Amino acid sequence: MRPEFADALERAGHGEQLTKNDLITLLNADKDESRTLFEAADQARANTLGDEVHFRGIIEFSNHCMKNCLYCGLRRDNQKLARYRLKPEEIIEGARETARLGCRTLVLQSGEDCYYSADMLGELIVKIKEELDLAITLSLGDRTKKDYGLLKKAGADRYLLKHETCDADLFSYLRPGTRLEERLERQVWLRETGYQVGSGNMVGLPGQSLETLAGDIILMREMGIEMAGIGPFIPGKQTPLAKASGGSLELSMKTLAATRLAMPGAHLPTTTSIASIHPQGRVKALQCGANVIMPNMTPRQYRASYMIYPGKLGLQDTPEDSYKRAVKAVNDACRTISRGHGHSLKYEKAV
């Protein structure tokens, strides 16, 4: 084991703030060091958050998107994708199924689709909150500060707005017409509005380096992020990056583990993308720092059309099938399922 690697782990174990160089050292772990890194991250998760895994049922209610991101299959210029929008009553029925199966959080996710106004979504949130004891996370992309406020007032608890990469030039290349600065400003708006704020990045993007990945972690820590979705980049056939190399399971796990050591109190999901590139991806992620699973509650007839990337796990599953898959992963990882809402530690202390 390299001395600098051991020093970084020792600092993390003592609760010291890891530097960018520390994180680069951890991300550059060899096979033997990786095992030690994963064990340290798993222990940090257990010490800070315990052994419970939070279930967050996700409904992908629209695959329409006004953006043209180079990495995403929902991109505006993908003419081969069959587009859909769930009706309000379908979303509410999906929320009921989410609660029935045992998830305590509902995630409403879509492409950036202006068809669903803040008022329309707000009415849905109010109805769901009145009927069901669910925390609500929104993942709707870029909206106005006014929209964020309306949705928070309606009852939304959290908002996931991934920054994807801390490299401003790479961000603008991957997301034409947008700037990283604007993305981060929206995260500030969300914090000011009272949301628990989530972000995240992709591992293995073209032009990305270990220094970039370390910068992603530093950025999320500096922004006070409470949830971080970290998963491999998977090239989509109907995107400009179709021939690019994808992110690896190993580097995705090292990034997840390093994030856990840098942000011990953050909620870190075992992402569907990790599960999609390896049959034991969810279990492996749970063993290196993750403490959240997001079973897919999208009606089966729409799943194949929410094609952010190819090979996505569970396209033929029912919501119940997806829930059972998640339960099996938790059991295989020798963990327990939480019965709480899974709010951030900051929120729990505040209330």
Protein backbone atom coordinates (compact mmCIF):
# COMPACT_ATOMS: atom_id res chain seq x y z
CA MET A 1 0.00 0.00 0.00
CA ARG A 2 1.38 3.39 -0.97
CA PRO A 3 2.22 5.66 1.99
CA GLU A 4 0.13 8.50 0.56
CA PHE A 5 -2.85 6.14 0.20
CA ALA A 6 -2.55 5.00 3.81
CA ASP A 7 -2.21 8.62 4.96
CA ALA A 8 -5.40 9.64 3.10
CA LEU A 9 -7.37 6.78 4.66
CA GLU A 10 -6.01 7.61 8.10
CA ARG A 11 -7.10 11.24 7.75
CA ALA A 12 -10.54 10.13 6.64
CA GLY A 13 -10.75 7.77 9.61
CA HIS A 14 -9.99 10.65 11.96
CA GLY A 15 -12.71 12.77 10.41
CA GLU A 16 -10.29 15.18 8.74
CA GLN A 17 -11.30 16.92 5.52
CA LEU A 18 -9.78 15.18 2.52
CA THR A 19 -7.89 17.35 0.05
CA LYS A 20 -8.12 17.12 -3.70
CA ASN A 21 -4.77 15.32 -3.77
CA ASP A 22 -6.06 12.86 -1.17
CA LEU A 23 -9.07 12.09 -3.36
CA ILE A 24 -6.93 11.65 -6.48
CA THR A 25 -4.76 9.20 -4.51
CA LEU A 26 -7.85 7.22 -3.46
CA LEU A 27 -9.28 7.21 -6.99
CA ASN A 28 -5.95 5.90 -8.28
CA ALA A 29 -6.09 2.87 -5.95
CA ASP A 30 -4.77 -0.40 -7.31
CA LYS A 31 -6.66 -3.67 -6.87
CA ASP A 32 -5.40 -4.38 -3.35
CA GLU A 33 -5.83 -0.77 -2.25
CA SER A 34 -9.35 -0.72 -3.67
CA ARG A 35 -10.43 -3.48 -1.30
CA THR A 36 -9.16 -1.41 1.63
CA LEU A 37 -10.84 1.71 0.24
CA PHE A 38 -14.19 -0.06 -0.10
CA GLU A 39 -13.95 -1.44 3.44
CA ALA A 40 -13.16 2.02 4.82
CA ALA A 41 -16.08 3.60 2.94
CA ASP A 42 -18.44 0.86 4.11
CA GLN A 43 -17.34 1.43 7.71
CA ALA A 44 -17.77 5.21 7.36
CA ARG A 45 -21.31 4.65 6.09
CA ALA A 46 -22.10 2.31 8.98
CA ASN A 47 -20.65 4.69 11.57
CA THR A 48 -22.53 7.73 10.25
CA LEU A 49 -25.79 6.38 8.83
CA GLY A 50 -26.13 2.86 10.14
CA ASP A 51 -27.02 -0.27 8.20
CA GLU A 52 -30.43 0.74 6.87
CA VAL A 53 -31.00 1.18 3.13
CA HIS A 54 -33.57 3.77 2.08
CA PHE A 55 -35.96 2.82 -0.72
CA ARG A 56 -36.96 5.60 -3.10
CA GLY A 57 -39.46 4.58 -5.74
CA ILE A 58 -38.97 6.44 -9.01
CA ILE A 59 -41.64 7.25 -11.60
CA GLU A 60 -40.24 8.41 -14.95
CA PHE A 61 -43.33 10.29 -16.02
CA SER A 62 -42.17 11.90 -19.29
CA ASN A 63 -39.37 11.26 -21.78
CA HIS A 64 -39.88 14.51 -23.68
CA CYS A 65 -36.90 16.84 -23.35
CA MET A 66 -36.11 20.28 -24.71
CA LYS A 67 -32.36 19.84 -24.12
CA ASN A 68 -29.92 18.22 -26.52
CA CYS A 69 -27.27 16.72 -24.24
CA LEU A 70 -24.71 14.67 -26.13
CA TYR A 71 -24.79 11.77 -23.65
CA CYS A 72 -28.53 11.28 -23.18
CA GLY A 73 -30.94 9.14 -25.19
CA LEU A 74 -33.82 11.50 -24.34
CA ARG A 75 -32.10 14.32 -26.20
CA ARG A 76 -34.33 16.51 -28.34
CA ASP A 77 -32.80 15.40 -31.65
CA ASN A 78 -33.34 11.68 -31.07
CA GLN A 79 -36.08 11.11 -33.62
CA LYS A 80 -36.12 7.33 -33.11
CA LEU A 81 -37.42 7.51 -29.56
CA ALA A 82 -41.15 6.92 -28.99
CA ARG A 83 -42.19 9.79 -26.73
CA TYR A 84 -44.70 9.55 -23.90
CA ARG A 85 -46.23 11.52 -21.04
CA LEU A 86 -48.05 9.96 -18.09
CA LYS A 87 -51.45 11.37 -17.27
CA PRO A 88 -51.89 12.86 -13.77
CA GLU A 89 -54.05 9.92 -12.71
CA GLU A 90 -51.33 7.48 -13.85
CA ILE A 91 -48.76 9.32 -11.74
CA ILE A 92 -51.03 9.26 -8.69
CA GLU A 93 -51.72 5.54 -9.17
CA GLY A 94 -47.97 4.98 -9.41
CA ALA A 95 -47.49 6.87 -6.16
CA ARG A 96 -50.06 4.61 -4.49
CA GLU A 97 -48.20 1.54 -5.72
CA THR A 98 -44.93 3.02 -4.45
CA ALA A 99 -46.41 3.45 -0.98
CA ARG A 100 -48.13 0.04 -1.05
CA LEU A 101 -44.89 -1.76 -1.77
CA GLY A 102 -43.11 -0.06 1.10
CA CYS A 103 -41.05 2.81 -0.34
CA ARG A 104 -41.16 5.91 1.87
CA THR A 105 -39.94 8.32 -0.82
CA LEU A 106 -41.39 8.97 -4.27
CA VAL A 107 -39.07 10.35 -6.95
CA LEU A 108 -40.77 12.14 -9.84
CA GLN A 109 -38.36 12.32 -12.76
CA SER A 110 -38.68 13.46 -16.35
CA GLY A 111 -36.84 15.01 -19.22
CA GLU A 112 -36.95 18.81 -19.27
CA ASP A 113 -40.57 18.94 -20.39
CA CYS A 114 -42.36 22.30 -20.13
CA TYR A 115 -45.71 20.59 -20.84
CA TYR A 116 -45.93 19.98 -17.09
CA SER A 117 -46.21 23.44 -15.56
CA ALA A 118 -45.27 24.11 -11.95
CA ASP A 119 -48.97 24.60 -11.19
CA MET A 120 -49.86 21.22 -12.72
CA LEU A 121 -47.08 19.44 -10.85
CA GLY A 122 -47.91 21.32 -7.67
CA GLU A 123 -51.49 20.04 -7.76
CA LEU A 124 -50.19 16.49 -8.16
CA ILE A 125 -47.80 16.90 -5.23
CA VAL A 126 -50.58 18.27 -3.00
CA LYS A 127 -52.84 15.30 -3.82
CA ILE A 128 -50.09 12.77 -3.21
CA LYS A 129 -49.09 14.37 0.07
CA GLU A 130 -52.69 14.53 1.29
CA GLU A 131 -53.28 10.84 0.57
CA LEU A 132 -49.93 9.17 1.15
CA ASP A 133 -47.19 9.38 3.75
CA LEU A 134 -44.37 9.86 1.24
CA ALA A 135 -41.42 12.18 1.01
CA ILE A 136 -41.18 13.61 -2.52
CA THR A 137 -38.02 14.13 -4.52
CA LEU A 138 -38.19 15.97 -7.84
CA SER A 139 -35.77 15.51 -10.73
CA LEU A 140 -37.03 17.81 -13.48
CA GLY A 141 -33.90 19.64 -14.60
CA ASP A 142 -33.63 23.38 -15.08
CA ARG A 143 -36.61 25.40 -13.89
CA THR A 144 -37.09 28.99 -12.78
CA LYS A 145 -36.60 30.03 -9.18
CA LYS A 146 -40.32 30.80 -9.07
CA ASP A 147 -41.15 27.26 -10.20
CA TYR A 148 -38.88 25.77 -7.55
CA GLY A 149 -40.67 27.86 -4.94
CA LEU A 150 -44.13 26.79 -6.10
CA LEU A 151 -43.17 23.13 -6.06
CA LYS A 152 -41.62 23.42 -2.60
CA LYS A 153 -44.73 25.17 -1.28
CA ALA A 154 -46.85 22.34 -2.70
CA GLY A 155 -44.94 19.88 -0.55
CA ALA A 156 -41.84 18.69 -2.41
CA ASP A 157 -39.05 17.79 0.01
CA ARG A 158 -35.99 17.28 -2.17
CA TYR A 159 -34.66 18.17 -5.59
CA LEU A 160 -32.04 16.27 -7.56
CA LEU A 161 -30.09 18.42 -10.03
CA LYS A 162 -26.88 16.66 -11.03
CA HIS A 163 -23.94 18.81 -12.10
CA GLU A 164 -22.54 15.84 -14.11
CA THR A 165 -18.99 17.29 -14.27
CA CYS A 166 -17.10 20.10 -12.55
CA ASP A 167 -15.17 20.83 -15.76
CA ALA A 168 -16.94 23.92 -17.09
CA ASP A 169 -15.73 23.44 -20.66
CA LEU A 170 -16.68 19.77 -20.69
CA PHE A 171 -20.08 20.62 -19.19
CA SER A 172 -20.85 23.11 -21.97
CA TYR A 173 -19.65 20.66 -24.62
CA LEU A 174 -21.84 17.86 -23.28
CA ARG A 175 -24.85 20.13 -22.68
CA PRO A 176 -24.98 22.54 -25.64
CA GLY A 177 -26.35 25.97 -24.82
CA THR A 178 -25.85 25.62 -21.07
CA ARG A 179 -23.16 26.58 -18.56
CA LEU A 180 -22.00 24.95 -15.34
CA GLU A 181 -22.25 28.30 -13.59
CA GLU A 182 -25.99 28.39 -14.29
CA ARG A 183 -26.45 24.84 -13.04
CA LEU A 184 -24.72 25.63 -9.77
CA GLU A 185 -26.73 28.83 -9.37
CA ARG A 186 -29.89 26.73 -9.53
CA GLN A 187 -28.55 24.49 -6.79
CA VAL A 188 -28.15 27.63 -4.67
CA TRP A 189 -31.75 28.61 -5.46
CA LEU A 190 -32.92 25.18 -4.35
CA ARG A 191 -31.03 25.47 -1.07
CA GLU A 192 -32.44 28.96 -0.48
CA THR A 193 -35.95 27.67 -1.22
CA GLY A 194 -35.64 25.04 1.50
CA TYR A 195 -35.07 21.83 -0.45
CA GLN A 196 -32.77 19.03 0.55
CA VAL A 197 -30.48 19.25 -2.48
CA GLY A 198 -29.04 16.41 -4.52
CA SER A 199 -26.38 16.46 -7.21
CA GLY A 200 -24.09 13.90 -8.78
CA ASN A 201 -21.74 13.09 -11.61
CA MET A 202 -21.01 10.55 -14.30
CA VAL A 203 -17.85 8.46 -14.24
CA GLY A 204 -15.97 7.80 -17.47
CA LEU A 205 -17.07 10.78 -19.55
CA PRO A 206 -14.93 11.58 -22.61
CA GLY A 207 -12.18 13.97 -21.59
CA GLN A 208 -12.58 13.28 -17.88
CA SER A 209 -9.58 12.72 -15.60
CA LEU A 210 -9.09 11.55 -12.02
CA GLU A 211 -8.46 15.19 -11.17
CA THR A 212 -11.89 16.02 -12.62
CA LEU A 213 -13.55 13.30 -10.54
CA ALA A 214 -11.81 14.56 -7.40
CA GLY A 215 -13.02 18.04 -8.30
CA ASP A 216 -16.58 16.71 -8.58
CA ILE A 217 -16.41 15.44 -5.00
CA ILE A 218 -14.89 18.67 -3.70
CA LEU A 219 -17.58 20.69 -5.50
CA MET A 220 -20.41 18.63 -4.01
CA ARG A 221 -18.90 18.97 -0.54
CA GLU A 222 -18.51 22.73 -0.93
CA MET A 223 -22.09 23.06 -2.17
CA GLY A 224 -23.39 21.22 0.89
CA ILE A 225 -24.97 18.49 -1.22
CA GLU A 226 -27.07 16.03 0.81
CA MET A 227 -27.62 13.37 -1.88
CA ALA A 228 -25.19 12.39 -4.64
CA GLY A 229 -26.01 10.14 -7.57
CA ILE A 230 -22.79 8.65 -8.93
CA GLY A 231 -22.74 6.16 -11.78
CA PRO A 232 -20.91 5.17 -14.94
CA PHE A 233 -21.35 6.93 -18.26
CA ILE A 234 -23.02 4.48 -20.65
CA PRO A 235 -22.86 5.52 -24.33
CA GLY A 236 -26.24 5.65 -26.06
CA LYS A 237 -26.64 4.39 -29.63
CA GLN A 238 -28.80 7.35 -30.66
CA THR A 239 -26.40 9.98 -29.31
CA PRO A 240 -23.31 11.73 -30.68
CA LEU A 241 -21.22 9.83 -28.12
CA ALA A 242 -22.32 6.40 -29.33
CA LYS A 243 -18.73 5.30 -30.08
CA ALA A 244 -17.21 6.65 -26.87
CA SER A 245 -15.88 4.34 -24.18
CA GLY A 246 -18.15 3.93 -21.18
CA GLY A 247 -17.34 4.23 -17.51
CA SER A 248 -16.14 1.15 -15.63
CA LEU A 249 -17.63 -0.49 -12.57
CA GLU A 250 -14.29 -0.33 -10.76
CA LEU A 251 -13.79 3.43 -11.16
CA SER A 252 -17.46 4.08 -10.39
CA MET A 253 -17.08 2.16 -7.12
CA LYS A 254 -13.87 3.99 -6.23
CA THR A 255 -15.58 7.33 -6.89
CA LEU A 256 -18.54 6.30 -4.75
CA ALA A 257 -16.23 5.15 -1.94
CA ALA A 258 -14.11 8.30 -2.07
CA THR A 259 -17.28 10.40 -1.96
CA ARG A 260 -18.44 8.53 1.13
CA LEU A 261 -15.16 9.25 2.89
CA ALA A 262 -15.28 12.92 1.87
CA MET A 263 -19.01 13.32 2.64
CA PRO A 264 -19.79 10.72 5.34
CA GLY A 265 -23.32 11.99 6.03
CA ALA A 266 -24.55 12.20 2.43
CA HIS A 267 -27.15 9.82 1.04
CA LEU A 268 -25.53 7.88 -1.82
CA PRO A 269 -27.67 5.64 -4.04
CA THR A 270 -26.58 2.48 -5.75
CA THR A 271 -27.56 3.82 -9.15
CA THR A 272 -29.43 1.92 -11.84
CA SER A 273 -26.53 2.59 -14.20
CA ILE A 274 -24.17 0.64 -11.92
CA ALA A 275 -26.67 -2.21 -11.79
CA SER A 276 -26.99 -2.07 -15.57
CA ILE A 277 -23.30 -2.71 -16.29
CA HIS A 278 -22.84 -5.53 -13.76
CA PRO A 279 -25.35 -8.10 -12.42
CA GLN A 280 -24.05 -7.56 -8.88
CA GLY A 281 -23.58 -3.82 -9.28
CA ARG A 282 -26.14 -2.86 -6.65
CA VAL A 283 -24.70 -5.21 -4.05
CA LYS A 284 -21.16 -4.06 -4.76
CA ALA A 285 -22.19 -0.41 -4.42
CA LEU A 286 -23.92 -1.14 -1.13
CA GLN A 287 -20.65 -2.64 0.08
CA CYS A 288 -18.56 0.44 -0.73
CA GLY A 289 -20.59 3.30 0.71
CA ALA A 290 -24.09 3.39 -0.81
CA ASN A 291 -27.17 3.51 1.42
CA VAL A 292 -30.06 4.16 -1.00
CA ILE A 293 -31.82 2.09 -3.68
CA MET A 294 -34.33 3.49 -6.18
CA PRO A 295 -36.74 0.77 -7.38
CA ASN A 296 -38.40 1.69 -10.66
CA MET A 297 -42.13 2.36 -10.23
CA THR A 298 -42.69 3.44 -13.84
CA PRO A 299 -45.50 1.42 -15.50
CA ARG A 300 -43.92 -1.38 -17.54
CA GLN A 301 -45.38 -0.22 -20.87
CA TYR A 302 -43.34 3.03 -20.72
CA ARG A 303 -40.02 1.80 -19.40
CA ALA A 304 -38.32 0.92 -22.67
CA SER A 305 -38.96 4.46 -23.90
CA TYR A 306 -37.21 6.12 -20.97
CA MET A 307 -33.95 5.22 -22.64
CA ILE A 308 -31.34 7.55 -21.18
CA TYR A 309 -28.77 4.84 -21.94
CA PRO A 310 -28.96 1.32 -23.43
CA GLY A 311 -29.13 -1.90 -21.44
CA LYS A 312 -31.02 -0.35 -18.55
CA LEU A 313 -31.92 -2.77 -15.78
CA GLY A 314 -35.49 -4.06 -15.46
CA LEU A 315 -37.15 -2.81 -18.65
CA GLN A 316 -39.63 -5.70 -18.58
CA ASP A 317 -40.25 -5.58 -14.83
CA THR A 318 -43.42 -4.52 -13.09
CA PRO A 319 -43.06 -2.13 -10.12
CA GLU A 320 -43.40 -5.14 -7.82
CA ASP A 321 -40.62 -6.95 -9.72
CA SER A 322 -38.38 -3.91 -9.34
CA TYR A 323 -39.10 -3.72 -5.63
CA LYS A 324 -38.28 -7.41 -5.18
CA ARG A 325 -34.98 -6.93 -7.06
CA ALA A 326 -34.08 -4.13 -4.65
CA VAL A 327 -35.01 -6.22 -1.62
CA LYS A 328 -32.81 -9.06 -2.86
CA ALA A 329 -29.86 -6.69 -3.29
CA VAL A 330 -30.27 -5.44 0.28
CA ASN A 331 -30.48 -9.00 1.61
CA ASP A 332 -27.46 -10.07 -0.43
CA ALA A 333 -25.50 -7.16 1.02
CA CYS A 334 -26.57 -8.24 4.55
CA ARG A 335 -28.28 -4.90 5.17
CA THR A 336 -31.75 -3.92 6.40
CA ILE A 337 -34.52 -1.86 4.79
CA SER A 338 -35.31 1.47 6.42
CA ARG A 339 -38.90 2.27 7.39
CA GLY A 340 -38.17 6.00 7.67
CA HIS A 341 -38.39 8.69 5.00
CA GLY A 342 -34.62 8.92 4.62
CA HIS A 343 -34.29 12.68 5.05
CA SER A 344 -30.80 14.17 5.21
CA LEU A 345 -29.03 14.31 8.57
CA LYS A 346 -29.12 18.12 8.42
CA TYR A 347 -32.90 18.03 8.03
CA GLU A 348 -33.36 15.47 10.80
CA LYS A 349 -31.32 17.60 13.20
CA ALA A 350 -33.25 20.74 12.22
CA VAL A 351 -36.62 19.18 13.08
